[in-house]
C-alpha atoms as a PDB file:
ATOM      1  CA  MET A   1       0.000   0.000   0.000  1.00  0.00           C
ATOM      2  CA  ASN A   2       1.168   3.526  -0.731  1.00  0.00           C
ATOM      3  CA  GLY A   3      -1.262   6.182   0.404  1.00  0.00           C
ATOM      4  CA  PRO A   4      -2.773   7.823   3.482  1.00  0.00           C
ATOM      5  CA  GLU A   5      -1.332   6.839   6.842  1.00  0.00           C
ATOM      6  CA  ILE A   6      -3.767   5.953   9.617  1.00  0.00           C
ATOM      7  CA  HIS A   7      -3.287   4.669  13.145  1.00  0.00           C
ATOM      8  CA  VAL A   8      -4.972   1.404  14.142  1.00  0.00           C
ATOM      9  CA  GLU A   9      -5.375   0.065  17.669  1.00  0.00           C
ATOM     10  CA  PHE A  10      -6.727  -3.433  18.356  1.00  0.00           C
ATOM     11  CA  ALA A  11      -8.439  -4.533  21.564  1.00  0.00           C
ATOM     12  CA  PRO A  12      -6.381  -6.949  23.712  1.00  0.00           C
ATOM     13  CA  GLU A  13      -8.876  -9.749  22.963  1.00  0.00           C
ATOM     14  CA  LEU A  14      -7.721  -9.663  19.333  1.00  0.00           C
ATOM     15  CA  ARG A  15      -4.065 -10.283  20.167  1.00  0.00           C
ATOM     16  CA  PRO A  16      -4.121 -13.916  18.850  1.00  0.00           C
ATOM     17  CA  PHE A  17      -4.613 -12.608  15.309  1.00  0.00           C
ATOM     18  CA  LEU A  18      -1.849 -10.025  15.279  1.00  0.00           C
ATOM     19  CA  PRO A  19       1.492 -10.904  13.670  1.00  0.00           C
ATOM     20  CA  ASN A  20       4.418 -11.358  16.011  1.00  0.00           C
ATOM     21  CA  GLY A  21       5.927  -8.029  16.900  1.00  0.00           C
ATOM     22  CA  ARG A  22       2.815  -5.936  16.257  1.00  0.00           C
ATOM     23  CA  ARG A  23       2.054  -4.034  19.424  1.00  0.00           C
ATOM     24  CA  LEU A  24      -1.430  -3.527  20.785  1.00  0.00           C
ATOM     25  CA  GLY A  25      -1.190   0.258  20.968  1.00  0.00           C
ATOM     26  CA  ALA A  26      -2.002   2.547  18.065  1.00  0.00           C
ATOM     27  CA  THR A  27       0.151   1.429  15.124  1.00  0.00           C
ATOM     28  CA  PRO A  28       0.766   3.455  11.955  1.00  0.00           C
ATOM     29  CA  VAL A  29      -0.597   1.753   8.842  1.00  0.00           C
ATOM     30  CA  VAL A  30      -0.202   3.006   5.288  1.00  0.00           C
ATOM     31  CA  THR A  31      -3.314   2.363   3.185  1.00  0.00           C
ATOM     32  CA  ASP A  32      -3.950   2.624  -0.553  1.00  0.00           C
ATOM     33  CA  GLY A  33      -6.644   5.293  -0.230  1.00  0.00           C
ATOM     34  CA  VAL A  34      -9.401   3.174  -1.795  1.00  0.00           C
ATOM     35  CA  SER A  35      -9.696   0.014   0.334  1.00  0.00           C
ATOM     36  CA  THR A  36     -12.441  -0.154   2.949  1.00  0.00           C
ATOM     37  CA  LEU A  37     -11.661  -0.233   6.640  1.00  0.00           C
ATOM     38  CA  GLY A  38     -12.961  -3.799   6.749  1.00  0.00           C
ATOM     39  CA  HIS A  39     -10.384  -4.806   4.150  1.00  0.00           C
ATOM     40  CA  VAL A  40      -7.634  -3.015   6.061  1.00  0.00           C
ATOM     41  CA  VAL A  41      -8.544  -4.770   9.318  1.00  0.00           C
ATOM     42  CA  GLU A  42      -8.504  -8.182   7.668  1.00  0.00           C
ATOM     43  CA  SER A  43      -5.211  -7.411   5.903  1.00  0.00           C
ATOM     44  CA  LEU A  44      -3.723  -6.883   9.359  1.00  0.00           C
ATOM     45  CA  GLY A  45      -4.776 -10.391  10.388  1.00  0.00           C
ATOM     46  CA  VAL A  46      -8.143  -9.998  12.116  1.00  0.00           C
ATOM     47  CA  PRO A  47     -11.188 -11.693  10.507  1.00  0.00           C
ATOM     48  CA  LEU A  48     -14.222  -9.411  10.524  1.00  0.00           C
ATOM     49  CA  THR A  49     -16.145 -12.126  12.366  1.00  0.00           C
ATOM     50  CA  GLU A  50     -13.988 -11.226  15.384  1.00  0.00           C
ATOM     51  CA  ALA A  51     -14.125  -7.452  15.029  1.00  0.00           C
ATOM     52  CA  GLY A  52     -16.877  -5.684  16.894  1.00  0.00           C
ATOM     53  CA  ALA A  53     -17.377  -1.946  16.607  1.00  0.00           C
ATOM     54  CA  LEU A  54     -14.982  -0.032  14.342  1.00  0.00           C
ATOM     55  CA  VAL A  55     -14.438   3.400  15.833  1.00  0.00           C
ATOM     56  CA  VAL A  56     -12.771   6.175  13.826  1.00  0.00           C
ATOM     57  CA  ASN A  57     -11.897   9.427  15.552  1.00  0.00           C
ATOM     58  CA  ALA A  58     -14.276   8.506  18.417  1.00  0.00           C
ATOM     59  CA  GLY A  59     -17.236   7.737  16.116  1.00  0.00           C
ATOM     60  CA  GLU A  60     -18.443   4.300  15.007  1.00  0.00           C
ATOM     61  CA  VAL A  61     -18.261   3.584  11.267  1.00  0.00           C
ATOM     62  CA  PRO A  62     -19.300   0.651   9.034  1.00  0.00           C
ATOM     63  CA  THR A  63     -16.792  -1.776   7.536  1.00  0.00           C
ATOM     64  CA  SER A  64     -17.377  -0.045   4.163  1.00  0.00           C
ATOM     65  CA  TYR A  65     -15.826   3.194   5.420  1.00  0.00           C
ATOM     66  CA  VAL A  66     -12.725   4.246   3.452  1.00  0.00           C
ATOM     67  CA  PRO A  67     -10.120   5.642   5.859  1.00  0.00           C
ATOM     68  CA  VAL A  68      -8.367   8.936   5.174  1.00  0.00           C
ATOM     69  CA  ALA A  69      -5.015  10.304   6.298  1.00  0.00           C
ATOM     70  CA  GLY A  70      -4.756  10.881  10.022  1.00  0.00           C
ATOM     71  CA  ASP A  71      -7.677   8.651  11.023  1.00  0.00           C
ATOM     72  CA  ARG A  72      -7.301   7.024  14.415  1.00  0.00           C
ATOM     73  CA  VAL A  73      -9.016   3.639  14.310  1.00  0.00           C
ATOM     74  CA  GLU A  74     -10.050   1.512  17.275  1.00  0.00           C
ATOM     75  CA  VAL A  75     -11.022  -2.100  16.572  1.00  0.00           C
ATOM     76  CA  ARG A  76     -13.110  -3.434  19.429  1.00  0.00           C
ATOM     77  CA  PRO A  77     -13.978  -7.078  20.174  1.00  0.00           C
ATOM     78  CA  VAL A  78     -17.376  -8.598  19.456  1.00  0.00           C
ATOM     79  CA  LYS A  79     -19.888  -7.664  22.129  1.00  0.00           C
ATOM     80  CA  ARG A  80     -21.173 -10.640  24.134  1.00  0.00           C
ATOM     81  CA  PRO A  81     -23.678 -12.179  24.025  1.00  0.00           C
ATOM     82  CA  GLN A  82     -23.479 -11.845  20.256  1.00  0.00           C
ATOM     83  CA  GLN A  83     -26.791 -11.478  18.445  1.00  0.00           C
ATOM     84  CA  VAL A  84     -27.277 -13.169  15.069  1.00  0.00           C
ATOM     85  CA  PRO A  85     -30.347 -11.491  13.559  1.00  0.00           C
ATOM     86  CA  GLY A  86     -32.680 -12.890  10.967  1.00  0.00           C
ATOM     87  CA  ALA A  87     -32.596 -16.638  11.679  1.00  0.00           C
ATOM     88  CA  PRO A  88     -32.816 -19.159  14.506  1.00  0.00           C
ATOM     89  CA  LEU A  89     -29.388 -19.675  16.075  1.00  0.00           C
ATOM     90  CA  ARG A  90     -27.828 -22.712  14.421  1.00  0.00           C
ATOM     91  CA  PHE A  91     -24.209 -23.729  13.925  1.00  0.00           C
ATOM     92  CA  LEU A  92     -22.027 -25.364  11.286  1.00  0.00           C
ATOM     93  CA  LEU A  93     -18.645 -26.801  12.317  1.00  0.00           C
ATOM     94  CA  ASP A  94     -15.760 -27.856  10.113  1.00  0.00           C
ATOM     95  CA  VAL A  95     -13.956 -31.206  10.119  1.00  0.00           C
ATOM     96  CA  HIS A  96     -11.591 -30.261  12.945  1.00  0.00           C
ATOM     97  CA  LEU A  97     -14.288 -29.621  15.565  1.00  0.00           C
ATOM     98  CA  GLY A  98     -15.986 -32.991  15.920  1.00  0.00           C
ATOM     99  CA  THR A  99     -15.835 -33.151  19.722  1.00  0.00           C
ATOM    100  CA  LEU A 100     -17.295 -29.652  20.047  1.00  0.00           C
ATOM    101  CA  ALA A 101     -20.080 -30.599  17.625  1.00  0.00           C
ATOM    102  CA  ARG A 102     -21.024 -33.654  19.683  1.00  0.00           C
ATOM    103  CA  ARG A 103     -21.065 -31.651  22.914  1.00  0.00           C
ATOM    104  CA  LEU A 104     -23.257 -28.921  21.446  1.00  0.00           C
ATOM    105  CA  ARG A 105     -25.667 -31.591  20.197  1.00  0.00           C
ATOM    106  CA  LEU A 106     -25.630 -33.203  23.643  1.00  0.00           C
ATOM    107  CA  LEU A 107     -26.903 -29.867  24.962  1.00  0.00           C
ATOM    108  CA  GLY A 108     -29.654 -29.776  22.354  1.00  0.00           C
ATOM    109  CA  VAL A 109     -28.076 -27.076  20.181  1.00  0.00           C
ATOM    110  CA  ASP A 110     -28.781 -27.408  16.435  1.00  0.00           C
ATOM    111  CA  THR A 111     -25.286 -28.195  15.139  1.00  0.00           C
ATOM    112  CA  ALA A 112     -24.351 -29.367  11.654  1.00  0.00           C
ATOM    113  CA  TYR A 113     -20.904 -30.881  11.228  1.00  0.00           C
ATOM    114  CA  GLU A 114     -18.831 -31.900   8.225  1.00  0.00           C
ATOM    115  CA  SER A 115     -16.849 -35.026   9.096  1.00  0.00           C
ATOM    116  CA  THR A 116     -14.794 -34.736   5.898  1.00  0.00           C
ATOM    117  CA  ASP A 117     -12.902 -31.814   4.423  1.00  0.00           C
ATOM    118  CA  ILE A 118     -15.291 -30.519   1.761  1.00  0.00           C
ATOM    119  CA  GLY A 119     -13.357 -27.282   1.236  1.00  0.00           C
ATOM    120  CA  ASP A 120     -13.906 -23.689   2.270  1.00  0.00           C
ATOM    121  CA  PRO A 121     -16.201 -22.703  -0.657  1.00  0.00           C
ATOM    122  CA  ALA A 122     -18.624 -25.550   0.089  1.00  0.00           C
ATOM    123  CA  LEU A 123     -18.656 -24.793   3.827  1.00  0.00           C
ATOM    124  CA  ALA A 124     -19.291 -21.104   3.232  1.00  0.00           C
ATOM    125  CA  SER A 125     -22.075 -21.920   0.765  1.00  0.00           C
ATOM    126  CA  ARG A 126     -23.743 -24.253   3.262  1.00  0.00           C
ATOM    127  CA  SER A 127     -23.491 -21.610   5.979  1.00  0.00           C
ATOM    128  CA  ALA A 128     -25.285 -19.153   3.692  1.00  0.00           C
ATOM    129  CA  ALA A 129     -27.881 -21.613   2.371  1.00  0.00           C
ATOM    130  CA  GLU A 130     -28.876 -22.905   5.820  1.00  0.00           C
ATOM    131  CA  LYS A 131     -28.256 -19.619   7.695  1.00  0.00           C
ATOM    132  CA  ARG A 132     -25.845 -21.244  10.138  1.00  0.00           C
ATOM    133  CA  VAL A 133     -23.046 -19.628  12.118  1.00  0.00           C
ATOM    134  CA  MET A 134     -19.753 -21.088  10.875  1.00  0.00           C
ATOM    135  CA  LEU A 135     -17.456 -22.111  13.741  1.00  0.00           C
ATOM    136  CA  SER A 136     -13.855 -22.730  12.738  1.00  0.00           C
ATOM    137  CA  ARG A 137     -10.199 -22.191  13.570  1.00  0.00           C
ATOM    138  CA  ASP A 138      -9.525 -21.521   9.876  1.00  0.00           C
ATOM    139  CA  ARG A 139      -9.067 -17.760   9.477  1.00  0.00           C
ATOM    140  CA  GLY A 140      -9.209 -17.985   5.697  1.00  0.00           C
ATOM    141  CA  LEU A 141     -12.610 -19.661   5.839  1.00  0.00           C
ATOM    142  CA  LEU A 142     -13.934 -16.973   8.175  1.00  0.00           C
ATOM    143  CA  ARG A 143     -12.893 -14.277   5.689  1.00  0.00           C
ATOM    144  CA  ARG A 144     -15.132 -15.640   2.932  1.00  0.00           C
ATOM    145  CA  ARG A 145     -17.770 -13.070   2.026  1.00  0.00           C
ATOM    146  CA  GLU A 146     -20.552 -15.590   1.362  1.00  0.00           C
ATOM    147  CA  LEU A 147     -20.671 -16.786   4.974  1.00  0.00           C
ATOM    148  CA  TRP A 148     -23.977 -16.209   6.736  1.00  0.00           C
ATOM    149  CA  ALA A 149     -22.092 -15.521   9.955  1.00  0.00           C
ATOM    150  CA  GLY A 150     -18.984 -16.924  11.583  1.00  0.00           C
ATOM    151  CA  ALA A 151     -16.875 -17.122  14.706  1.00  0.00           C
ATOM    152  CA  PHE A 152     -13.310 -18.151  15.413  1.00  0.00           C
ATOM    153  CA  VAL A 153     -12.824 -20.984  17.911  1.00  0.00           C
ATOM    154  CA  TYR A 154      -9.934 -19.741  20.025  1.00  0.00           C
ATOM    155  CA  SER A 155      -8.933 -22.838  22.000  1.00  0.00           C
ATOM    156  CA  THR A 156      -7.825 -26.303  20.955  1.00  0.00           C
ATOM    157  CA  ARG A 157      -9.344 -27.859  24.107  1.00  0.00           C
ATOM    158  CA  PRO A 158     -12.971 -29.028  23.720  1.00  0.00           C
ATOM    159  CA  GLU A 159     -13.868 -27.909  27.261  1.00  0.00           C
ATOM    160  CA  ASP A 160     -12.700 -24.366  26.580  1.00  0.00           C
ATOM    161  CA  GLN A 161     -14.221 -24.359  23.110  1.00  0.00           C
ATOM    162  CA  LEU A 162     -17.647 -25.237  24.478  1.00  0.00           C
ATOM    163  CA  ARG A 163     -17.415 -22.683  27.275  1.00  0.00           C
ATOM    164  CA  ASP A 164     -16.463 -19.943  24.815  1.00  0.00           C
ATOM    165  CA  VAL A 165     -19.256 -20.717  22.331  1.00  0.00           C
ATOM    166  CA  LEU A 166     -21.870 -20.848  25.103  1.00  0.00           C
ATOM    167  CA  ASP A 167     -20.622 -17.547  26.518  1.00  0.00           C
ATOM    168  CA  ARG A 168     -20.446 -15.808  23.141  1.00  0.00           C
ATOM    169  CA  PHE A 169     -23.808 -16.846  21.688  1.00  0.00           C
ATOM    170  CA  ARG A 170     -25.887 -17.974  24.704  1.00  0.00           C
ATOM    171  CA  PRO A 171     -27.851 -20.591  22.734  1.00  0.00           C
ATOM    172  CA  GLU A 172     -30.953 -22.133  24.256  1.00  0.00           C
ATOM    173  CA  LEU A 173     -30.020 -25.416  25.913  1.00  0.00           C
ATOM    174  CA  GLN A 174     -32.243 -28.505  25.693  1.00  0.00           C
ATOM    175  CA  PRO A 175     -30.010 -31.373  26.855  1.00  0.00           C
ATOM    176  CA  TRP A 176     -30.642 -34.952  25.773  1.00  0.00           C
ATOM    177  CA  THR A 177     -32.885 -33.976  22.856  1.00  0.00           C
ATOM    178  CA  ARG A 178     -30.518 -34.413  19.874  1.00  0.00           C
ATOM    179  CA  CYS A 179     -28.553 -37.255  18.362  1.00  0.00           C
ATOM    180  CA  THR A 180     -24.852 -36.649  18.902  1.00  0.00           C
ATOM    181  CA  ALA A 181     -24.113 -38.601  15.728  1.00  0.00           C
ATOM    182  CA  CYS A 182     -26.328 -36.832  13.170  1.00  0.00           C
ATOM    183  CA  ASN A 183     -28.042 -33.890  14.951  1.00  0.00           C
ATOM    184  CA  GLY A 184     -31.510 -35.415  14.557  1.00  0.00           C
ATOM    185  CA  LEU A 185     -34.134 -35.120  17.283  1.00  0.00           C
ATOM    186  CA  LEU A 186     -34.603 -37.946  19.783  1.00  0.00           C
ATOM    187  CA  LYS A 187     -37.777 -39.740  20.817  1.00  0.00           C
ATOM    188  CA  GLU A 188     -38.550 -42.222  23.554  1.00  0.00           C
ATOM    189  CA  ALA A 189     -38.202 -45.819  22.400  1.00  0.00           C
ATOM    190  CA  THR A 190     -39.086 -49.238  23.728  1.00  0.00           C
ATOM    191  CA  LYS A 191     -36.528 -52.009  24.123  1.00  0.00           C
ATOM    192  CA  GLU A 192     -38.236 -53.860  21.302  1.00  0.00           C
ATOM    193  CA  GLU A 193     -37.834 -50.929  18.911  1.00  0.00           C
ATOM    194  CA  VAL A 194     -34.045 -50.827  19.387  1.00  0.00           C
ATOM    195  CA  ALA A 195     -33.433 -54.522  20.098  1.00  0.00           C
ATOM    196  CA  ASP A 196     -31.307 -54.983  16.975  1.00  0.00           C
ATOM    197  CA  GLN A 197     -28.754 -52.491  18.385  1.00  0.00           C
ATOM    198  CA  LEU A 198     -28.445 -54.092  21.838  1.00  0.00           C
ATOM    199  CA  ARG A 199     -25.928 -56.647  22.955  1.00  0.00           C
ATOM    200  CA  GLY A 200     -26.765 -59.227  25.592  1.00  0.00           C
ATOM    201  CA  GLY A 201     -25.529 -57.304  28.637  1.00  0.00           C
ATOM    202  CA  THR A 202     -27.198 -54.064  27.567  1.00  0.00           C
ATOM    203  CA  GLN A 203     -30.456 -55.816  26.801  1.00  0.00           C
ATOM    204  CA  ARG A 204     -30.507 -57.363  30.257  1.00  0.00           C
ATOM    205  CA  SER A 205     -29.403 -54.282  32.210  1.00  0.00           C
ATOM    206  CA  TYR A 206     -31.341 -51.368  30.683  1.00  0.00           C
ATOM    207  CA  ASP A 207     -34.997 -50.648  30.089  1.00  0.00           C
ATOM    208  CA  VAL A 208     -35.094 -46.922  29.216  1.00  0.00           C
ATOM    209  CA  PHE A 209     -34.093 -45.948  25.697  1.00  0.00           C
ATOM    210  CA  ALA A 210     -34.240 -43.088  23.229  1.00  0.00           C
ATOM    211  CA  GLN A 211     -33.885 -43.256  19.472  1.00  0.00           C
ATOM    212  CA  CYS A 212     -32.956 -40.735  16.812  1.00  0.00           C
ATOM    213  CA  ARG A 213     -35.867 -39.927  14.524  1.00  0.00           C
ATOM    214  CA  GLN A 214     -33.448 -39.323  11.655  1.00  0.00           C
ATOM    215  CA  CYS A 215     -30.760 -42.033  11.707  1.00  0.00           C
ATOM    216  CA  GLY A 216     -32.357 -44.536  14.096  1.00  0.00           C
ATOM    217  CA  ARG A 217     -29.458 -44.697  16.532  1.00  0.00           C
ATOM    218  CA  ALA A 218     -30.387 -45.938  20.012  1.00  0.00           C
ATOM    219  CA  TYR A 219     -29.358 -44.284  23.279  1.00  0.00           C
ATOM    220  CA  TRP A 220     -29.342 -45.465  26.892  1.00  0.00           C
ATOM    221  CA  LYS A 221     -27.540 -44.600  30.143  1.00  0.00           C
ATOM    222  CA  GLY A 222     -24.418 -46.630  29.490  1.00  0.00           C
ATOM    223  CA  ALA A 223     -20.875 -46.643  30.843  1.00  0.00           C
ATOM    224  CA  HIS A 224     -20.073 -43.087  29.759  1.00  0.00           C
ATOM    225  CA  HIS A 225     -23.294 -41.538  31.015  1.00  0.00           C
ATOM    226  CA  GLU A 226     -21.716 -39.919  34.084  1.00  0.00           C
ATOM    227  CA  GLN A 227     -19.188 -38.091  31.911  1.00  0.00           C
ATOM    228  CA  LEU A 228     -21.993 -36.766  29.731  1.00  0.00           C
ATOM    229  CA  VAL A 229     -24.000 -35.712  32.782  1.00  0.00           C
ATOM    230  CA  ALA A 230     -20.991 -33.713  34.002  1.00  0.00           C
ATOM    231  CA  ILE A 231     -20.776 -31.849  30.680  1.00  0.00           C
ATOM    232  CA  VAL A 232     -24.493 -31.034  30.810  1.00  0.00           C
ATOM    233  CA  GLU A 233     -24.438 -29.951  34.449  1.00  0.00           C
ATOM    234  CA  ASN A 234     -21.422 -27.698  33.885  1.00  0.00           C
ATOM    235  CA  ALA A 235     -23.142 -26.020  30.940  1.00  0.00           C
ATOM    236  CA  LEU A 236     -26.383 -25.493  32.867  1.00  0.00           C
ATOM    237  CA  SER A 237     -24.434 -24.167  35.852  1.00  0.00           C
ATOM    238  CA  MET A 238     -22.685 -21.670  33.591  1.00  0.00           C
ATOM    239  CA  ARG A 239     -26.041 -20.532  32.243  1.00  0.00           C
ATOM    240  CA  THR A 240     -27.390 -20.038  35.775  1.00  0.00           C
ATOM    241  CA  GLN A 241     -24.383 -17.881  36.671  1.00  0.00           C
ATOM    242  CA  GLU A 242     -24.969 -15.715  33.581  1.00  0.00           C
ATOM    243  CA  SER A 243     -28.619 -15.001  34.401  1.00  0.00           C
END
């Protein structure tokens, strides 16, 4: 770029996106005089999904604003809880977030998940077609203009990922209502209805079952149930603390 010089300051929450050596204080940036502020922010490493208000000379501006020489820009973080207008809150997760997808489904959150790498264009198109918030750690994917909405997943630990998504979006929780395998809704089922999925010990020991209306998978309170209960209780406890 070779044009007007502006000064850009990023909020501390956006530090993970800044190149090594870039300080958090106001930093001089030379622009080309025609690019929008949104383009400038992304060129500095921050996806617009993670940028909240853009403030220029103490006044908020849209991403389409074209900065001029001397502008002092403040890039704030997304305000929480984040509102996604125009559609029910639903998510789409890429291939790297399978554990997070299963945990969101466990909590009854409508969560689509691609178990294979179908490519950024296809993911962005699905996000737009189904009006789903794209969750990913892929910054390039989150920069795609056709996305309905998106959010960066900051941690690599599923526990922290879930906590962050619940804090950022505050989705309605309806635990034990969705299939963790396919996202379909569950219904009560008799032992006879799911008998073909039960081994001898399970058939003898359990009498309460649920079944996915979409894929037919059977569920019961098996060996891992206590671990799942802990995930649900932690999420509900977090929600109580927020209210």
